[in-house]
Amino acid sequence: MGKLDLRGRHLVIIVTYVNQSVTANGRLLYKAPPNLESAFYLFFERFLPIIAGRDDLQVVVIDNCSDQKIVEYLKNIRQPNILLQLLPANIGKARAANDFLADNLDPQALPRTIWSIDPDILFDRMSFDYLAEAVENLPGVGMLGMRYRKNNCNPEIYVFLPPRNLVGRNGKNYSVSSPFMANVAGGIFAVSGEHLASPLNFRLFPMKEYLCYGPDDSTLYLYLKKHGLTSGYLNGALATHLQSDVKVAPELAKYMLGKKPN
């Protein structure tokens, strides 16, 4: 595959890994919760209609050696704006995303925005489009995520400071809430294409050392902060985190029981 010309498009990167655990040097780093597979299926059930028929999106799904039935599911997705890359080993989210960019990104044809989305959340098209608009129009903001629905799986912490009202290049007002002494939760966030070029130097995750399961999102957050960019959550854009360890959100609990969520 040649270099991607992403001018005028949003680049969405989804790194999937549905398996039992992550180990290194005989040490258990991560044990997948028992409901992760169900969250994966529910995510794609909701996500695929949002992106269907959209020429302004390029979605890249990178699978880090999931179970075979997950791989077969991904192979059977037929949408022209989705690229699928299957990896023979789990190299972690950060390296998978960065390696893809190094191999396929045309530095002269950057996307409008670049996204990282974990396949265990739900959101609607309105929230997606609103976040895309805000990221493009707020040059002083680095890592911008959606607010999360308040449930027992909410990954936001220390978001109690008053939100800031920011005026975008388009003249619109955006309300952004930043966490205090914590990074933006990495389930869904976007960065502008101009920031991907500088200061990120065409790497979404500016890691000094790659780990299969590690501080990918916090590394990005701190790197952008060091370069004078603030990060936060966009009020008015809402996502639902479906699982946290063994806890499940109501939407996922209904799905696992065979009932269709609202």
C-alpha atoms as a PDB file:
ATOM      1  CA  MET A   1       0.000   0.000   0.000  1.00  0.00           C
ATOM      2  CA  GLY A   2       1.304   3.462  -0.896  1.00  0.00           C
ATOM      3  CA  LYS A   3       1.308   6.505   1.326  1.00  0.00           C
ATOM      4  CA  LEU A   4      -2.128   7.717   2.352  1.00  0.00           C
ATOM      5  CA  ASP A   5      -3.365  11.061   1.086  1.00  0.00           C
ATOM      6  CA  LEU A   6      -5.531  12.153   3.997  1.00  0.00           C
ATOM      7  CA  ARG A   7      -6.165  15.770   3.064  1.00  0.00           C
ATOM      8  CA  GLY A   8      -9.721  16.707   3.938  1.00  0.00           C
ATOM      9  CA  ARG A   9     -10.288  13.539   5.950  1.00  0.00           C
ATOM     10  CA  HIS A  10     -10.315  12.495   9.595  1.00  0.00           C
ATOM     11  CA  LEU A  11      -8.040   9.559  10.435  1.00  0.00           C
ATOM     12  CA  VAL A  12      -9.467   7.207  13.061  1.00  0.00           C
ATOM     13  CA  ILE A  13      -7.163   4.563  14.537  1.00  0.00           C
ATOM     14  CA  ILE A  14      -8.680   1.667  16.482  1.00  0.00           C
ATOM     15  CA  VAL A  15      -6.286  -0.867  17.979  1.00  0.00           C
ATOM     16  CA  THR A  16      -8.009  -4.100  18.969  1.00  0.00           C
ATOM     17  CA  TYR A  17      -6.751  -6.752  21.319  1.00  0.00           C
ATOM     18  CA  VAL A  18      -9.187  -9.354  22.618  1.00  0.00           C
ATOM     19  CA  ASN A  19      -7.341 -12.165  24.351  1.00  0.00           C
ATOM     20  CA  GLN A  20      -6.637 -13.430  27.830  1.00  0.00           C
ATOM     21  CA  SER A  21      -3.701 -11.449  29.135  1.00  0.00           C
ATOM     22  CA  VAL A  22      -0.524  -9.486  28.511  1.00  0.00           C
ATOM     23  CA  THR A  23       2.694 -10.747  30.069  1.00  0.00           C
ATOM     24  CA  ALA A  24       6.325  -9.655  29.938  1.00  0.00           C
ATOM     25  CA  ASN A  25       9.286 -11.548  31.354  1.00  0.00           C
ATOM     26  CA  GLY A  26       6.898 -13.930  33.068  1.00  0.00           C
ATOM     27  CA  ARG A  27       5.048 -11.063  34.781  1.00  0.00           C
ATOM     28  CA  LEU A  28       1.328 -10.465  34.277  1.00  0.00           C
ATOM     29  CA  LEU A  29       0.811  -6.878  33.110  1.00  0.00           C
ATOM     30  CA  TYR A  30      -2.841  -7.036  32.129  1.00  0.00           C
ATOM     31  CA  LYS A  31      -5.654  -9.538  32.476  1.00  0.00           C
ATOM     32  CA  ALA A  32      -8.558  -8.943  30.137  1.00  0.00           C
ATOM     33  CA  PRO A  33     -11.944  -8.632  31.861  1.00  0.00           C
ATOM     34  CA  PRO A  34     -14.405 -11.421  31.027  1.00  0.00           C
ATOM     35  CA  ASN A  35     -16.793  -8.990  29.310  1.00  0.00           C
ATOM     36  CA  LEU A  36     -14.257  -7.470  26.887  1.00  0.00           C
ATOM     37  CA  GLU A  37     -15.391  -9.572  23.916  1.00  0.00           C
ATOM     38  CA  SER A  38     -19.005  -8.474  24.349  1.00  0.00           C
ATOM     39  CA  ALA A  39     -17.912  -4.839  24.624  1.00  0.00           C
ATOM     40  CA  PHE A  40     -15.968  -5.267  21.379  1.00  0.00           C
ATOM     41  CA  TYR A  41     -19.002  -6.555  19.473  1.00  0.00           C
ATOM     42  CA  LEU A  42     -21.316  -3.886  20.887  1.00  0.00           C
ATOM     43  CA  PHE A  43     -18.812  -1.153  19.998  1.00  0.00           C
ATOM     44  CA  PHE A  44     -18.639  -2.184  16.347  1.00  0.00           C
ATOM     45  CA  GLU A  45     -22.414  -2.698  16.151  1.00  0.00           C
ATOM     46  CA  ARG A  46     -22.849   0.975  17.073  1.00  0.00           C
ATOM     47  CA  PHE A  47     -19.735   2.380  15.376  1.00  0.00           C
ATOM     48  CA  LEU A  48     -20.140   0.979  11.863  1.00  0.00           C
ATOM     49  CA  PRO A  49     -23.417   2.820  11.098  1.00  0.00           C
ATOM     50  CA  ILE A  50     -21.833   6.102  12.249  1.00  0.00           C
ATOM     51  CA  ILE A  51     -19.035   5.867   9.688  1.00  0.00           C
ATOM     52  CA  ALA A  52     -20.983   4.217   6.849  1.00  0.00           C
ATOM     53  CA  GLY A  53     -20.780   6.073   3.544  1.00  0.00           C
ATOM     54  CA  ARG A  54     -18.543   8.840   4.853  1.00  0.00           C
ATOM     55  CA  ASP A  55     -15.773   9.882   2.475  1.00  0.00           C
ATOM     56  CA  ASP A  56     -14.438  12.358   5.059  1.00  0.00           C
ATOM     57  CA  LEU A  57     -13.273   9.477   7.285  1.00  0.00           C
ATOM     58  CA  GLN A  58     -10.423   7.012   6.995  1.00  0.00           C
ATOM     59  CA  VAL A  59     -10.718   4.343   9.673  1.00  0.00           C
ATOM     60  CA  VAL A  60      -7.779   2.060  10.397  1.00  0.00           C
ATOM     61  CA  VAL A  61      -8.355  -1.043  12.529  1.00  0.00           C
ATOM     62  CA  ILE A  62      -5.115  -2.618  13.735  1.00  0.00           C
ATOM     63  CA  ASP A  63      -5.532  -5.970  15.436  1.00  0.00           C
ATOM     64  CA  ASN A  64      -2.857  -6.998  17.925  1.00  0.00           C
ATOM     65  CA  CYS A  65      -3.193 -10.765  17.584  1.00  0.00           C
ATOM     66  CA  SER A  66      -6.691 -11.219  18.975  1.00  0.00           C
ATOM     67  CA  ASP A  67      -8.466 -14.552  19.258  1.00  0.00           C
ATOM     68  CA  GLN A  68      -9.248 -16.059  15.851  1.00  0.00           C
ATOM     69  CA  LYS A  69     -12.997 -15.437  16.015  1.00  0.00           C
ATOM     70  CA  ILE A  70     -12.307 -11.734  16.574  1.00  0.00           C
ATOM     71  CA  VAL A  71      -9.986 -11.733  13.562  1.00  0.00           C
ATOM     72  CA  GLU A  72     -12.645 -13.409  11.422  1.00  0.00           C
ATOM     73  CA  TYR A  73     -15.217 -10.858  12.545  1.00  0.00           C
ATOM     74  CA  LEU A  74     -12.923  -8.009  11.506  1.00  0.00           C
ATOM     75  CA  LYS A  75     -12.191  -9.635   8.143  1.00  0.00           C
ATOM     76  CA  ASN A  76     -15.917  -9.767   7.412  1.00  0.00           C
ATOM     77  CA  ILE A  77     -16.432  -6.010   7.878  1.00  0.00           C
ATOM     78  CA  ARG A  78     -17.057  -4.613   4.404  1.00  0.00           C
ATOM     79  CA  GLN A  79     -16.847  -0.832   4.376  1.00  0.00           C
ATOM     80  CA  PRO A  80     -14.671   1.035   1.869  1.00  0.00           C
ATOM     81  CA  ASN A  81     -13.432   3.623   4.380  1.00  0.00           C
ATOM     82  CA  ILE A  82     -11.961   0.946   6.693  1.00  0.00           C
ATOM     83  CA  LEU A  83      -8.445  -0.427   6.389  1.00  0.00           C
ATOM     84  CA  LEU A  84      -7.643  -3.579   8.355  1.00  0.00           C
ATOM     85  CA  GLN A  85      -4.147  -4.501   9.479  1.00  0.00           C
ATOM     86  CA  LEU A  86      -3.602  -7.830  11.241  1.00  0.00           C
ATOM     87  CA  LEU A  87      -0.466  -8.134  13.364  1.00  0.00           C
ATOM     88  CA  PRO A  88       1.073 -11.495  14.300  1.00  0.00           C
ATOM     89  CA  ALA A  89       1.849 -10.415  17.875  1.00  0.00           C
ATOM     90  CA  ASN A  90       0.639  -7.964  20.473  1.00  0.00           C
ATOM     91  CA  ILE A  91       2.915  -4.937  20.227  1.00  0.00           C
ATOM     92  CA  GLY A  92       0.661  -2.600  22.207  1.00  0.00           C
ATOM     93  CA  LYS A  93      -1.531   0.309  21.134  1.00  0.00           C
ATOM     94  CA  ALA A  94       1.162   2.977  20.971  1.00  0.00           C
ATOM     95  CA  ARG A  95       3.596   1.065  18.803  1.00  0.00           C
ATOM     96  CA  ALA A  96       0.849  -0.288  16.555  1.00  0.00           C
ATOM     97  CA  ALA A  97      -0.444   3.235  15.883  1.00  0.00           C
ATOM     98  CA  ASN A  98       2.999   4.798  15.459  1.00  0.00           C
ATOM     99  CA  ASP A  99       4.266   2.035  13.178  1.00  0.00           C
ATOM    100  CA  PHE A 100       1.225   2.421  10.956  1.00  0.00           C
ATOM    101  CA  LEU A 101       1.800   6.165  10.667  1.00  0.00           C
ATOM    102  CA  ALA A 102       5.498   5.681   9.913  1.00  0.00           C
ATOM    103  CA  ASP A 103       4.722   3.215   7.130  1.00  0.00           C
ATOM    104  CA  ASN A 104       1.650   4.802   5.569  1.00  0.00           C
ATOM    105  CA  LEU A 105       1.335   8.513   6.369  1.00  0.00           C
ATOM    106  CA  ASP A 106       2.237  11.066   3.719  1.00  0.00           C
ATOM    107  CA  PRO A 107       3.682  14.025   5.675  1.00  0.00           C
ATOM    108  CA  GLN A 108       2.589  16.335   2.847  1.00  0.00           C
ATOM    109  CA  ALA A 109      -1.021  15.121   2.961  1.00  0.00           C
ATOM    110  CA  LEU A 110      -1.992  15.186   6.626  1.00  0.00           C
ATOM    111  CA  PRO A 111      -5.491  14.492   7.966  1.00  0.00           C
ATOM    112  CA  ARG A 112      -7.727  17.159   9.409  1.00  0.00           C
ATOM    113  CA  THR A 113      -7.688  15.288  12.725  1.00  0.00           C
ATOM    114  CA  ILE A 114      -6.315  12.018  14.059  1.00  0.00           C
ATOM    115  CA  TRP A 115      -8.236   9.907  16.584  1.00  0.00           C
ATOM    116  CA  SER A 116      -7.544   7.052  18.958  1.00  0.00           C
ATOM    117  CA  ILE A 117     -10.642   5.063  19.881  1.00  0.00           C
ATOM    118  CA  ASP A 118     -10.680   2.028  22.159  1.00  0.00           C
ATOM    119  CA  PRO A 119     -13.324  -0.566  21.175  1.00  0.00           C
ATOM    120  CA  ASP A 120     -15.156  -0.538  24.504  1.00  0.00           C
ATOM    121  CA  ILE A 121     -17.170   2.680  24.336  1.00  0.00           C
ATOM    122  CA  LEU A 122     -20.346   4.038  22.733  1.00  0.00           C
ATOM    123  CA  PHE A 123     -21.031   7.460  21.241  1.00  0.00           C
ATOM    124  CA  ASP A 124     -23.280   8.938  18.567  1.00  0.00           C
ATOM    125  CA  ARG A 125     -22.525  10.698  15.314  1.00  0.00           C
ATOM    126  CA  MET A 126     -23.442  14.109  16.706  1.00  0.00           C
ATOM    127  CA  SER A 127     -20.801  13.814  19.439  1.00  0.00           C
ATOM    128  CA  PHE A 128     -18.233  12.553  16.922  1.00  0.00           C
ATOM    129  CA  ASP A 129     -18.809  15.443  14.523  1.00  0.00           C
ATOM    130  CA  TYR A 130     -18.831  18.019  17.312  1.00  0.00           C
ATOM    131  CA  LEU A 131     -15.491  16.798  18.650  1.00  0.00           C
ATOM    132  CA  ALA A 132     -13.991  16.793  15.143  1.00  0.00           C
ATOM    133  CA  GLU A 133     -15.133  20.379  14.627  1.00  0.00           C
ATOM    134  CA  ALA A 134     -13.740  21.546  17.967  1.00  0.00           C
ATOM    135  CA  VAL A 135     -10.343  19.906  17.475  1.00  0.00           C
ATOM    136  CA  GLU A 136      -9.915  21.584  14.084  1.00  0.00           C
ATOM    137  CA  ASN A 137     -10.858  24.997  15.429  1.00  0.00           C
ATOM    138  CA  LEU A 138      -8.999  25.109  18.756  1.00  0.00           C
ATOM    139  CA  PRO A 139      -5.270  25.382  17.898  1.00  0.00           C
ATOM    140  CA  GLY A 140      -4.271  25.838  21.546  1.00  0.00           C
ATOM    141  CA  VAL A 141      -5.802  22.499  22.554  1.00  0.00           C
ATOM    142  CA  GLY A 142      -3.836  19.280  22.192  1.00  0.00           C
ATOM    143  CA  MET A 143      -5.652  16.113  23.246  1.00  0.00           C
ATOM    144  CA  LEU A 144      -9.426  16.614  23.262  1.00  0.00           C
ATOM    145  CA  GLY A 145     -11.792  13.885  24.394  1.00  0.00           C
ATOM    146  CA  MET A 146     -15.505  13.441  24.918  1.00  0.00           C
ATOM    147  CA  ARG A 147     -17.088  13.716  28.326  1.00  0.00           C
ATOM    148  CA  TYR A 148     -18.059  10.333  29.746  1.00  0.00           C
ATOM    149  CA  ARG A 149     -21.486   9.355  30.964  1.00  0.00           C
ATOM    150  CA  LYS A 150     -21.537   9.084  34.737  1.00  0.00           C
ATOM    151  CA  ASN A 151     -21.721   5.358  35.443  1.00  0.00           C
ATOM    152  CA  ASN A 152     -19.741   2.795  37.407  1.00  0.00           C
ATOM    153  CA  CYS A 153     -17.238   2.561  34.527  1.00  0.00           C
ATOM    154  CA  ASN A 154     -16.592   6.297  34.098  1.00  0.00           C
ATOM    155  CA  PRO A 155     -12.814   6.736  33.523  1.00  0.00           C
ATOM    156  CA  GLU A 156     -12.763  10.495  34.212  1.00  0.00           C
ATOM    157  CA  ILE A 157     -10.999  11.526  37.428  1.00  0.00           C
ATOM    158  CA  TYR A 158     -10.455  14.910  39.079  1.00  0.00           C
ATOM    159  CA  VAL A 159     -12.661  16.822  36.656  1.00  0.00           C
ATOM    160  CA  PHE A 160     -13.974  19.378  39.121  1.00  0.00           C
ATOM    161  CA  LEU A 161     -12.452  22.683  37.987  1.00  0.00           C
ATOM    162  CA  PRO A 162     -14.804  25.106  36.194  1.00  0.00           C
ATOM    163  CA  PRO A 163     -14.785  24.595  32.414  1.00  0.00           C
ATOM    164  CA  ARG A 164     -13.056  27.106  30.165  1.00  0.00           C
ATOM    165  CA  ASN A 165     -14.919  28.859  27.375  1.00  0.00           C
ATOM    166  CA  LEU A 166     -12.717  28.863  24.268  1.00  0.00           C
ATOM    167  CA  VAL A 167     -13.431  30.726  21.038  1.00  0.00           C
ATOM    168  CA  GLY A 168     -12.522  28.763  17.925  1.00  0.00           C
ATOM    169  CA  ARG A 169     -11.152  29.924  14.609  1.00  0.00           C
ATOM    170  CA  ASN A 170     -14.697  29.603  13.295  1.00  0.00           C
ATOM    171  CA  GLY A 171     -15.987  32.113  15.860  1.00  0.00           C
ATOM    172  CA  LYS A 172     -17.889  29.456  17.839  1.00  0.00           C
ATOM    173  CA  ASN A 173     -17.616  28.992  21.594  1.00  0.00           C
ATOM    174  CA  TYR A 174     -16.500  25.645  23.016  1.00  0.00           C
ATOM    175  CA  SER A 175     -16.619  24.573  26.642  1.00  0.00           C
ATOM    176  CA  VAL A 176     -13.613  22.471  27.668  1.00  0.00           C
ATOM    177  CA  SER A 177     -13.107  20.829  31.075  1.00  0.00           C
ATOM    178  CA  SER A 178      -9.597  19.796  32.063  1.00  0.00           C
ATOM    179  CA  PRO A 179      -8.708  17.260  34.756  1.00  0.00           C
ATOM    180  CA  PHE A 180      -6.612  18.381  37.705  1.00  0.00           C
ATOM    181  CA  MET A 181      -3.441  16.339  38.325  1.00  0.00           C
ATOM    182  CA  ALA A 182      -4.631  13.622  35.919  1.00  0.00           C
ATOM    183  CA  ASN A 183      -4.490  12.957  32.216  1.00  0.00           C
ATOM    184  CA  VAL A 184      -7.410  12.853  29.796  1.00  0.00           C
ATOM    185  CA  ALA A 185      -8.871   9.339  29.707  1.00  0.00           C
ATOM    186  CA  GLY A 186      -7.769   7.721  26.465  1.00  0.00           C
ATOM    187  CA  GLY A 187     -10.884   5.783  25.423  1.00  0.00           C
ATOM    188  CA  ILE A 188     -11.668   8.351  22.753  1.00  0.00           C
ATOM    189  CA  PHE A 189      -9.724  11.469  21.884  1.00  0.00           C
ATOM    190  CA  ALA A 190      -8.607  13.449  18.859  1.00  0.00           C
ATOM    191  CA  VAL A 191      -5.628  15.648  17.974  1.00  0.00           C
ATOM    192  CA  SER A 192      -5.447  18.065  15.065  1.00  0.00           C
ATOM    193  CA  GLY A 193      -3.466  17.192  11.963  1.00  0.00           C
ATOM    194  CA  GLU A 194      -1.296  20.260  12.476  1.00  0.00           C
ATOM    195  CA  HIS A 195      -0.305  19.041  15.943  1.00  0.00           C
ATOM    196  CA  LEU A 196       0.435  15.595  14.543  1.00  0.00           C
ATOM    197  CA  ALA A 197       3.099  17.324  12.466  1.00  0.00           C
ATOM    198  CA  SER A 198       4.330  19.587  15.260  1.00  0.00           C
ATOM    199  CA  PRO A 199       5.065  18.958  18.046  1.00  0.00           C
ATOM    200  CA  LEU A 200       4.298  15.223  17.660  1.00  0.00           C
ATOM    201  CA  ASN A 201       6.555  14.736  14.612  1.00  0.00           C
ATOM    202  CA  PHE A 202       4.096  12.310  12.971  1.00  0.00           C
ATOM    203  CA  ARG A 203       3.793  10.001  15.997  1.00  0.00           C
ATOM    204  CA  LEU A 204       0.497   9.867  17.843  1.00  0.00           C
ATOM    205  CA  PHE A 205       2.157   8.477  20.968  1.00  0.00           C
ATOM    206  CA  PRO A 206       5.574  10.079  21.690  1.00  0.00           C
ATOM    207  CA  MET A 207       6.935   7.075  23.600  1.00  0.00           C
ATOM    208  CA  LYS A 208      10.588   6.700  24.571  1.00  0.00           C
ATOM    209  CA  GLU A 209      10.021   3.016  25.282  1.00  0.00           C
ATOM    210  CA  TYR A 210       7.183   0.823  24.040  1.00  0.00           C
ATOM    211  CA  LEU A 211       5.225  -1.452  26.344  1.00  0.00           C
ATOM    212  CA  CYS A 212       2.411  -3.809  25.372  1.00  0.00           C
ATOM    213  CA  TYR A 213       0.302  -2.357  28.116  1.00  0.00           C
ATOM    214  CA  GLY A 214       1.452   0.918  29.555  1.00  0.00           C
ATOM    215  CA  PRO A 215       1.036   4.692  29.950  1.00  0.00           C
ATOM    216  CA  ASP A 216       0.304   5.478  26.294  1.00  0.00           C
ATOM    217  CA  ASP A 217      -2.321   8.164  26.816  1.00  0.00           C
ATOM    218  CA  SER A 218      -0.649   9.836  29.793  1.00  0.00           C
ATOM    219  CA  THR A 219       2.611  10.054  27.829  1.00  0.00           C
ATOM    220  CA  LEU A 220       0.811  11.917  25.051  1.00  0.00           C
ATOM    221  CA  TYR A 221      -0.955  14.183  27.538  1.00  0.00           C
ATOM    222  CA  LEU A 222       2.284  15.156  29.294  1.00  0.00           C
ATOM    223  CA  TYR A 223       4.154  15.644  26.026  1.00  0.00           C
ATOM    224  CA  LEU A 224       1.550  18.062  24.702  1.00  0.00           C
ATOM    225  CA  LYS A 225       1.483  19.904  28.016  1.00  0.00           C
ATOM    226  CA  LYS A 226       5.274  20.293  27.860  1.00  0.00           C
ATOM    227  CA  HIS A 227       4.836  21.939  24.463  1.00  0.00           C
ATOM    228  CA  GLY A 228       2.292  24.451  25.709  1.00  0.00           C
ATOM    229  CA  LEU A 229      -0.904  22.711  24.621  1.00  0.00           C
ATOM    230  CA  THR A 230      -3.738  22.185  27.068  1.00  0.00           C
ATOM    231  CA  SER A 231      -5.916  19.083  26.896  1.00  0.00           C
ATOM    232  CA  GLY A 232      -9.347  18.253  28.205  1.00  0.00           C
ATOM    233  CA  TYR A 233     -12.884  17.015  27.600  1.00  0.00           C
ATOM    234  CA  LEU A 234     -15.347  18.728  25.276  1.00  0.00           C
ATOM    235  CA  ASN A 235     -18.619  19.485  27.001  1.00  0.00           C
ATOM    236  CA  GLY A 236     -21.514  18.608  24.731  1.00  0.00           C
ATOM    237  CA  ALA A 237     -19.822  15.485  23.344  1.00  0.00           C
ATOM    238  CA  LEU A 238     -20.683  12.334  25.271  1.00  0.00           C
ATOM    239  CA  ALA A 239     -19.334   8.781  25.337  1.00  0.00           C
ATOM    240  CA  THR A 240     -20.269   5.770  27.445  1.00  0.00           C
ATOM    241  CA  HIS A 241     -17.440   3.606  28.782  1.00  0.00           C
ATOM    242  CA  LEU A 242     -18.706   0.032  28.735  1.00  0.00           C
ATOM    243  CA  GLN A 243     -16.383  -1.809  31.095  1.00  0.00           C
ATOM    244  CA  SER A 244     -13.858  -1.301  33.854  1.00  0.00           C
ATOM    245  CA  ASP A 245     -12.177  -4.433  35.200  1.00  0.00           C
ATOM    246  CA  VAL A 246     -15.121  -6.705  36.063  1.00  0.00           C
ATOM    247  CA  LYS A 247     -17.670  -3.867  36.203  1.00  0.00           C
ATOM    248  CA  VAL A 248     -20.021  -3.379  33.258  1.00  0.00           C
ATOM    249  CA  ALA A 249     -22.164  -0.454  32.169  1.00  0.00           C
ATOM    250  CA  PRO A 250     -25.950  -0.979  31.974  1.00  0.00           C
ATOM    251  CA  GLU A 251     -25.824  -0.875  28.160  1.00  0.00           C
ATOM    252  CA  LEU A 252     -23.317  -3.712  28.088  1.00  0.00           C
ATOM    253  CA  ALA A 253     -25.159  -5.701  30.748  1.00  0.00           C
ATOM    254  CA  LYS A 254     -28.333  -5.612  28.598  1.00  0.00           C
ATOM    255  CA  TYR A 255     -26.368  -6.597  25.510  1.00  0.00           C
ATOM    256  CA  MET A 256     -24.822  -9.551  27.310  1.00  0.00           C
ATOM    257  CA  LEU A 257     -28.306 -10.701  28.307  1.00  0.00           C
ATOM    258  CA  GLY A 258     -29.393 -10.614  24.680  1.00  0.00           C
ATOM    259  CA  LYS A 259     -31.484  -7.477  25.043  1.00  0.00           C
ATOM    260  CA  LYS A 260     -31.042  -4.567  22.685  1.00  0.00           C
ATOM    261  CA  PRO A 261     -29.723  -1.474  24.510  1.00  0.00           C
ATOM    262  CA  ASN A 262     -31.574   1.806  24.157  1.00  0.00           C
END
